[in-house]
N, C-alpha and C. Protein backbone atom coordinates (compact mmCIF):
# COMPACT_ATOMS: atom_id res chain seq x y z
N UNK A 1 -15.42 10.39 -3.25
CA UNK A 1 -14.25 11.02 -3.81
C UNK A 1 -13.00 10.27 -3.36
N UNK A 2 -12.18 9.84 -4.28
CA UNK A 2 -10.93 9.18 -3.90
C UNK A 2 -9.99 10.20 -3.32
N UNK A 3 -9.25 9.78 -2.38
CA UNK A 3 -8.31 10.68 -1.71
C UNK A 3 -6.96 10.57 -2.41
N UNK A 4 -6.86 11.11 -3.60
CA UNK A 4 -5.65 10.99 -4.39
C UNK A 4 -4.48 11.72 -3.78
N UNK A 5 -4.72 12.60 -2.83
CA UNK A 5 -3.66 13.34 -2.21
C UNK A 5 -2.96 12.50 -1.17
N UNK A 6 -3.62 11.52 -0.62
CA UNK A 6 -3.01 10.76 0.46
C UNK A 6 -1.79 10.05 -0.07
N UNK A 7 -0.85 10.32 0.54
CA UNK A 7 0.41 9.74 0.21
C UNK A 7 0.58 9.68 -1.27
N UNK A 8 0.79 11.22 -1.14
CA UNK A 8 1.12 12.58 -0.85
C UNK A 8 0.53 12.87 0.50
N UNK A 9 -0.55 12.55 0.93
CA UNK A 9 -1.16 12.73 2.23
C UNK A 9 -1.31 11.42 2.84
N UNK A 10 3.19 9.64 2.14
CA UNK A 10 3.65 9.17 1.57
C UNK A 10 3.67 8.80 2.58
N UNK A 11 3.61 7.99 2.93
CA UNK A 11 3.81 7.72 4.26
C UNK A 11 2.96 8.45 5.08
N UNK A 12 3.68 8.97 4.70
CA UNK A 12 3.48 10.07 5.04
C UNK A 12 2.34 10.30 4.99
N UNK A 13 2.09 10.62 6.03
CA UNK A 13 1.48 11.49 5.89
C UNK A 13 0.62 11.45 6.85
N UNK A 14 0.91 12.11 7.23
CA UNK A 14 0.39 12.79 8.17
C UNK A 14 -0.57 13.56 7.61
N UNK A 15 -2.88 14.46 10.60
CA UNK A 15 -3.16 15.71 11.21
C UNK A 15 -2.58 15.62 12.59
N UNK A 16 -1.98 16.68 12.92
CA UNK A 16 -1.35 16.63 14.21
C UNK A 16 -0.04 15.90 14.12
N UNK A 17 0.68 15.92 15.21
CA UNK A 17 1.97 15.27 15.24
C UNK A 17 1.78 13.77 15.35
N UNK A 18 2.57 13.00 14.62
CA UNK A 18 2.45 11.55 14.71
C UNK A 18 3.01 11.05 16.03
N UNK A 19 2.49 9.95 16.48
CA UNK A 19 3.02 9.35 17.70
C UNK A 19 4.35 8.71 17.35
N UNK A 20 5.35 8.99 18.14
CA UNK A 20 6.67 8.42 17.90
C UNK A 20 6.74 7.09 18.62
N UNK A 21 7.11 6.05 17.90
CA UNK A 21 7.19 4.73 18.51
C UNK A 21 8.33 4.66 19.50
N UNK A 22 8.27 3.68 20.39
CA UNK A 22 9.34 3.51 21.36
C UNK A 22 10.66 3.20 20.66
N UNK A 23 10.60 2.48 19.52
CA UNK A 23 11.82 2.17 18.78
C UNK A 23 12.47 3.44 18.26
N UNK A 24 11.65 4.37 17.74
CA UNK A 24 12.19 5.63 17.24
C UNK A 24 12.78 6.43 18.37
N UNK A 25 12.04 6.53 19.48
CA UNK A 25 12.52 7.31 20.61
C UNK A 25 13.80 6.72 21.18
N UNK A 26 13.91 5.40 21.15
CA UNK A 26 15.10 4.75 21.71
C UNK A 26 16.32 4.96 20.84
N UNK A 27 16.13 5.11 19.53
CA UNK A 27 17.27 5.24 18.63
C UNK A 27 18.05 6.51 18.89
N UNK A 28 17.35 7.59 19.15
CA UNK A 28 17.98 8.86 19.49
C UNK A 28 17.01 9.97 19.19
N UNK A 29 17.13 11.05 19.93
CA UNK A 29 16.31 12.20 19.64
C UNK A 29 17.04 13.15 18.71
N UNK A 30 18.26 12.83 18.37
CA UNK A 30 19.04 13.69 17.47
C UNK A 30 18.71 13.38 16.02
N UNK A 31 18.62 14.44 15.24
CA UNK A 31 18.35 14.27 13.82
C UNK A 31 19.62 13.84 13.10
N UNK A 32 19.45 13.08 12.04
CA UNK A 32 20.56 12.58 11.25
C UNK A 32 20.66 13.32 9.92
N UNK A 33 21.85 13.77 9.58
CA UNK A 33 22.10 14.38 8.27
C UNK A 33 22.58 13.33 7.27
N UNK A 34 22.75 12.10 7.72
CA UNK A 34 23.28 11.02 6.87
C UNK A 34 22.41 10.71 5.67
N UNK A 35 21.14 11.05 5.75
CA UNK A 35 20.21 10.70 4.68
C UNK A 35 19.77 11.91 3.86
N UNK A 36 20.44 13.05 4.06
CA UNK A 36 20.10 14.27 3.33
C UNK A 36 20.21 14.04 1.82
N UNK A 37 19.28 14.62 1.08
CA UNK A 37 19.29 14.52 -0.37
C UNK A 37 17.89 14.36 -0.91
N UNK A 38 17.81 14.03 -2.20
CA UNK A 38 16.53 13.84 -2.88
C UNK A 38 16.15 12.37 -2.83
N UNK A 39 14.88 12.13 -2.54
CA UNK A 39 14.37 10.77 -2.43
C UNK A 39 13.11 10.63 -3.26
N UNK A 40 12.88 9.44 -3.79
CA UNK A 40 11.64 9.09 -4.46
C UNK A 40 10.92 8.08 -3.59
N UNK A 41 9.66 8.37 -3.26
CA UNK A 41 8.90 7.51 -2.35
C UNK A 41 7.70 6.93 -3.08
N UNK A 42 7.56 5.62 -3.01
CA UNK A 42 6.41 4.92 -3.57
C UNK A 42 5.52 4.53 -2.41
N UNK A 43 4.26 4.99 -2.46
CA UNK A 43 3.29 4.68 -1.43
C UNK A 43 2.26 3.74 -2.03
N UNK A 44 2.03 2.62 -1.35
CA UNK A 44 1.09 1.62 -1.84
C UNK A 44 -0.06 1.49 -0.85
N UNK A 45 -1.28 1.58 -1.34
CA UNK A 45 -2.47 1.43 -0.50
C UNK A 45 -2.81 -0.06 -0.40
N UNK A 46 -2.91 -0.55 0.82
CA UNK A 46 -3.28 -1.94 1.04
C UNK A 46 -4.69 -2.08 1.60
N UNK A 47 -5.23 -0.98 2.17
CA UNK A 47 -6.56 -1.01 2.74
C UNK A 47 -7.22 0.34 2.53
N UNK A 48 -8.50 0.36 2.15
CA UNK A 48 -9.24 1.60 2.01
C UNK A 48 -9.49 1.97 0.55
N UNK A 49 -10.14 3.13 0.37
CA UNK A 49 -10.58 3.56 -0.95
C UNK A 49 -9.64 4.57 -1.61
N UNK A 50 -8.41 4.66 -1.20
CA UNK A 50 -7.44 5.57 -1.83
C UNK A 50 -6.91 4.93 -3.11
N UNK A 51 -6.32 5.75 -3.97
CA UNK A 51 -5.70 5.20 -5.18
C UNK A 51 -4.70 4.14 -4.78
N UNK A 52 -4.46 3.20 -5.67
CA UNK A 52 -3.62 2.04 -5.38
C UNK A 52 -2.17 2.41 -5.03
N UNK A 53 -1.60 3.36 -5.78
CA UNK A 53 -0.19 3.69 -5.53
C UNK A 53 0.09 5.14 -5.92
N UNK A 54 1.09 5.70 -5.28
CA UNK A 54 1.54 7.07 -5.54
C UNK A 54 3.06 7.07 -5.52
N UNK A 55 3.66 7.95 -6.30
CA UNK A 55 5.11 8.16 -6.22
C UNK A 55 5.33 9.65 -6.09
N UNK A 56 6.15 10.03 -5.09
CA UNK A 56 6.38 11.45 -4.80
C UNK A 56 7.85 11.73 -4.54
N UNK A 57 8.28 12.93 -4.92
CA UNK A 57 9.65 13.35 -4.58
C UNK A 57 9.67 13.99 -3.20
N UNK A 58 10.61 13.58 -2.38
CA UNK A 58 10.83 14.19 -1.08
C UNK A 58 12.27 14.66 -1.01
N UNK A 59 12.49 15.64 -0.14
CA UNK A 59 13.84 16.14 0.10
C UNK A 59 14.11 16.08 1.59
N UNK A 60 15.27 15.58 1.95
CA UNK A 60 15.69 15.57 3.35
C UNK A 60 16.86 16.53 3.46
N UNK A 61 16.75 17.47 4.39
CA UNK A 61 17.79 18.47 4.60
C UNK A 61 18.00 18.66 6.09
N UNK A 62 19.22 18.41 6.55
CA UNK A 62 19.57 18.51 7.96
C UNK A 62 18.68 17.63 8.83
N UNK A 63 18.24 16.50 8.29
CA UNK A 63 17.41 15.57 9.02
C UNK A 63 15.92 15.86 8.96
N UNK A 64 15.52 16.94 8.29
CA UNK A 64 14.11 17.29 8.16
C UNK A 64 13.59 16.87 6.79
N UNK A 65 12.39 16.30 6.77
CA UNK A 65 11.78 15.82 5.54
C UNK A 65 10.81 16.87 5.01
N UNK A 66 10.85 17.13 3.70
CA UNK A 66 9.94 18.06 3.05
C UNK A 66 9.55 17.55 1.68
N UNK A 67 8.53 18.15 1.11
CA UNK A 67 8.05 17.75 -0.21
C UNK A 67 8.94 18.36 -1.28
N UNK A 68 9.31 17.58 -2.29
CA UNK A 68 10.19 18.04 -3.35
C UNK A 68 9.48 18.36 -4.64
N UNK A 69 8.16 18.44 -4.62
CA UNK A 69 7.40 18.70 -5.84
C UNK A 69 6.73 20.06 -5.81
N UNK A 70 5.80 20.24 -6.75
CA UNK A 70 5.14 21.54 -6.91
C UNK A 70 3.69 21.55 -6.44
N UNK A 71 3.15 20.45 -6.01
CA UNK A 71 1.76 20.42 -5.56
C UNK A 71 1.61 21.16 -4.24
N UNK A 72 0.37 21.34 -3.82
CA UNK A 72 0.12 22.06 -2.59
C UNK A 72 -0.01 21.14 -1.39
N UNK A 73 0.90 20.20 -1.26
CA UNK A 73 0.94 19.31 -0.11
C UNK A 73 1.88 19.89 0.93
N UNK A 74 1.59 19.57 2.16
CA UNK A 74 2.51 19.91 3.23
C UNK A 74 3.11 18.62 3.74
N UNK A 75 4.42 18.50 3.68
CA UNK A 75 5.11 17.33 4.19
C UNK A 75 6.05 17.78 5.28
N UNK A 76 5.94 17.17 6.43
CA UNK A 76 6.86 17.45 7.54
C UNK A 76 7.31 16.13 8.12
N UNK A 77 8.52 16.10 8.61
CA UNK A 77 9.01 14.89 9.24
C UNK A 77 10.45 15.01 9.64
N UNK A 78 10.93 13.99 10.30
CA UNK A 78 12.31 13.96 10.78
C UNK A 78 12.91 12.59 10.55
N UNK A 79 14.23 12.57 10.33
CA UNK A 79 15.00 11.34 10.26
C UNK A 79 15.96 11.38 11.44
N UNK A 80 15.91 10.36 12.28
CA UNK A 80 16.72 10.30 13.48
C UNK A 80 17.97 9.46 13.26
N UNK A 81 18.95 9.63 14.15
CA UNK A 81 20.13 8.77 14.12
C UNK A 81 19.65 7.33 14.12
N UNK A 82 20.27 6.51 13.33
CA UNK A 82 19.83 5.13 13.18
C UNK A 82 18.89 4.94 12.00
N UNK A 83 18.40 6.06 11.42
CA UNK A 83 17.57 5.98 10.23
C UNK A 83 16.07 5.92 10.45
N UNK A 84 15.60 5.92 11.70
CA UNK A 84 14.16 5.94 11.94
C UNK A 84 13.58 7.23 11.40
N UNK A 85 12.42 7.13 10.75
CA UNK A 85 11.79 8.29 10.13
C UNK A 85 10.33 8.37 10.53
N UNK A 86 9.88 9.60 10.77
CA UNK A 86 8.48 9.89 11.08
C UNK A 86 8.06 11.00 10.14
N UNK A 87 6.97 10.80 9.40
CA UNK A 87 6.57 11.79 8.39
C UNK A 87 5.06 12.03 8.45
N UNK A 88 4.69 13.25 8.11
CA UNK A 88 3.28 13.62 8.01
C UNK A 88 3.05 14.31 6.68
N UNK A 89 1.98 13.93 6.00
CA UNK A 89 1.60 14.57 4.75
C UNK A 89 0.18 15.08 4.91
N UNK A 90 -0.05 16.32 4.51
CA UNK A 90 -1.39 16.90 4.67
C UNK A 90 -1.74 17.77 3.48
N UNK A 91 -3.03 17.82 3.21
CA UNK A 91 -3.58 18.73 2.20
C UNK A 91 -4.97 19.10 2.68
N UNK A 92 -5.15 20.38 2.98
CA UNK A 92 -6.43 20.82 3.52
C UNK A 92 -6.72 20.12 4.83
N UNK A 93 -7.91 19.51 4.92
CA UNK A 93 -8.32 18.81 6.14
C UNK A 93 -7.92 17.33 6.15
N UNK A 94 -7.26 16.87 5.11
CA UNK A 94 -6.88 15.46 5.01
C UNK A 94 -5.41 15.28 5.34
N UNK A 95 -5.12 14.15 5.98
CA UNK A 95 -3.72 13.90 6.28
C UNK A 95 -3.47 12.41 6.47
N UNK A 96 -2.20 12.03 6.51
CA UNK A 96 -1.78 10.66 6.76
C UNK A 96 -0.47 10.71 7.51
N UNK A 97 -0.14 9.62 8.18
CA UNK A 97 1.08 9.54 8.97
C UNK A 97 1.89 8.33 8.52
N UNK A 98 3.20 8.48 8.56
CA UNK A 98 4.06 7.38 8.18
C UNK A 98 5.24 7.24 9.11
N UNK A 99 5.66 5.99 9.29
CA UNK A 99 6.87 5.70 10.07
C UNK A 99 7.64 4.62 9.34
N UNK A 100 8.91 4.55 9.61
CA UNK A 100 9.72 3.51 9.00
C UNK A 100 11.18 3.74 9.26
N UNK A 101 12.02 3.20 8.38
CA UNK A 101 13.46 3.29 8.57
C UNK A 101 14.16 3.44 7.22
N UNK A 102 15.16 4.32 7.22
CA UNK A 102 16.05 4.46 6.07
C UNK A 102 17.35 3.75 6.40
N UNK A 103 17.90 3.06 5.40
CA UNK A 103 19.19 2.39 5.54
C UNK A 103 19.94 2.59 4.24
N UNK A 104 21.07 3.28 4.32
CA UNK A 104 21.83 3.55 3.11
C UNK A 104 21.03 4.40 2.15
N UNK A 105 20.79 3.86 0.94
CA UNK A 105 20.03 4.60 -0.08
C UNK A 105 18.61 4.09 -0.24
N UNK A 106 18.12 3.33 0.73
CA UNK A 106 16.79 2.76 0.64
C UNK A 106 16.04 2.92 1.96
N UNK A 107 14.73 2.78 1.90
CA UNK A 107 13.93 2.84 3.11
C UNK A 107 12.59 2.19 2.89
N UNK A 108 11.90 1.90 4.01
CA UNK A 108 10.57 1.31 3.93
C UNK A 108 9.84 1.54 5.24
N UNK A 109 8.53 1.36 5.19
CA UNK A 109 7.73 1.53 6.38
C UNK A 109 6.25 1.41 6.07
N UNK A 110 5.45 1.93 7.02
CA UNK A 110 3.99 1.87 6.90
C UNK A 110 3.40 3.26 7.02
N UNK A 111 2.17 3.43 6.52
CA UNK A 111 1.48 4.70 6.64
C UNK A 111 0.00 4.42 6.88
N UNK A 112 -0.68 5.43 7.47
CA UNK A 112 -2.12 5.32 7.71
C UNK A 112 -2.71 6.71 7.79
N UNK A 113 -3.96 6.82 7.35
CA UNK A 113 -4.72 8.04 7.55
C UNK A 113 -5.30 7.97 8.96
N UNK A 114 -5.25 9.06 9.71
CA UNK A 114 -5.73 9.04 11.10
C UNK A 114 -7.16 8.55 11.26
N UNK A 115 -8.01 8.84 10.31
CA UNK A 115 -9.41 8.42 10.40
C UNK A 115 -9.57 6.93 10.07
N UNK A 116 -8.52 6.29 9.63
CA UNK A 116 -8.58 4.87 9.32
C UNK A 116 -9.12 4.53 7.95
N UNK A 117 -9.29 5.55 7.11
CA UNK A 117 -9.82 5.30 5.77
C UNK A 117 -8.88 4.46 4.92
N UNK A 118 -7.60 4.76 4.98
CA UNK A 118 -6.63 4.09 4.12
C UNK A 118 -5.35 3.81 4.91
N UNK A 119 -4.66 2.78 4.48
CA UNK A 119 -3.35 2.47 5.06
C UNK A 119 -2.58 1.62 4.07
N UNK A 120 -1.29 1.49 4.35
CA UNK A 120 -0.46 0.67 3.46
C UNK A 120 1.00 0.74 3.83
N UNK A 121 1.83 0.55 2.83
CA UNK A 121 3.28 0.55 3.05
C UNK A 121 3.93 1.52 2.08
N UNK A 122 5.19 1.85 2.37
CA UNK A 122 5.94 2.73 1.48
C UNK A 122 7.35 2.20 1.36
N UNK A 123 7.97 2.56 0.25
CA UNK A 123 9.41 2.30 0.10
C UNK A 123 10.02 3.49 -0.61
N UNK A 124 11.28 3.73 -0.33
CA UNK A 124 11.95 4.91 -0.86
C UNK A 124 13.34 4.54 -1.36
N UNK A 125 13.80 5.32 -2.33
CA UNK A 125 15.18 5.19 -2.78
C UNK A 125 15.75 6.58 -2.99
N UNK A 126 17.02 6.72 -2.66
CA UNK A 126 17.71 8.00 -2.76
C UNK A 126 18.07 8.27 -4.20
N UNK A 127 17.81 9.50 -4.65
CA UNK A 127 18.08 9.89 -6.04
C UNK A 127 19.22 10.88 -6.15
N UNK A 128 19.67 11.45 -5.07
CA UNK A 128 20.75 12.41 -5.17
C UNK A 128 21.16 12.98 -3.86
């Protein structure tokens, strides 16, 4: 069965809390409201049996990342001062984790499923 939910399960995506890199921790523990708004995220699979690409709407509010669509995905994450982002996407027992950086109206990073089934990169652009 292809894991079509993964990123959606966008990076994200996140089971359990993602490990925060030293770069993210060094940037600041404070959340940034600078990137609040609607975002479109393209997730590309580079390794594993997941679908090749996904595009999902995300919303950032007060530095917190959430899913902007109607599917039954759970998206959680934070954007820190400096634009570092950590995101988790989950559906049922499946999940993926993503990290990266937002700058202005764009962003990019990497994602992986904890079990190592799939991984790849993501890019985002602000829509509103």
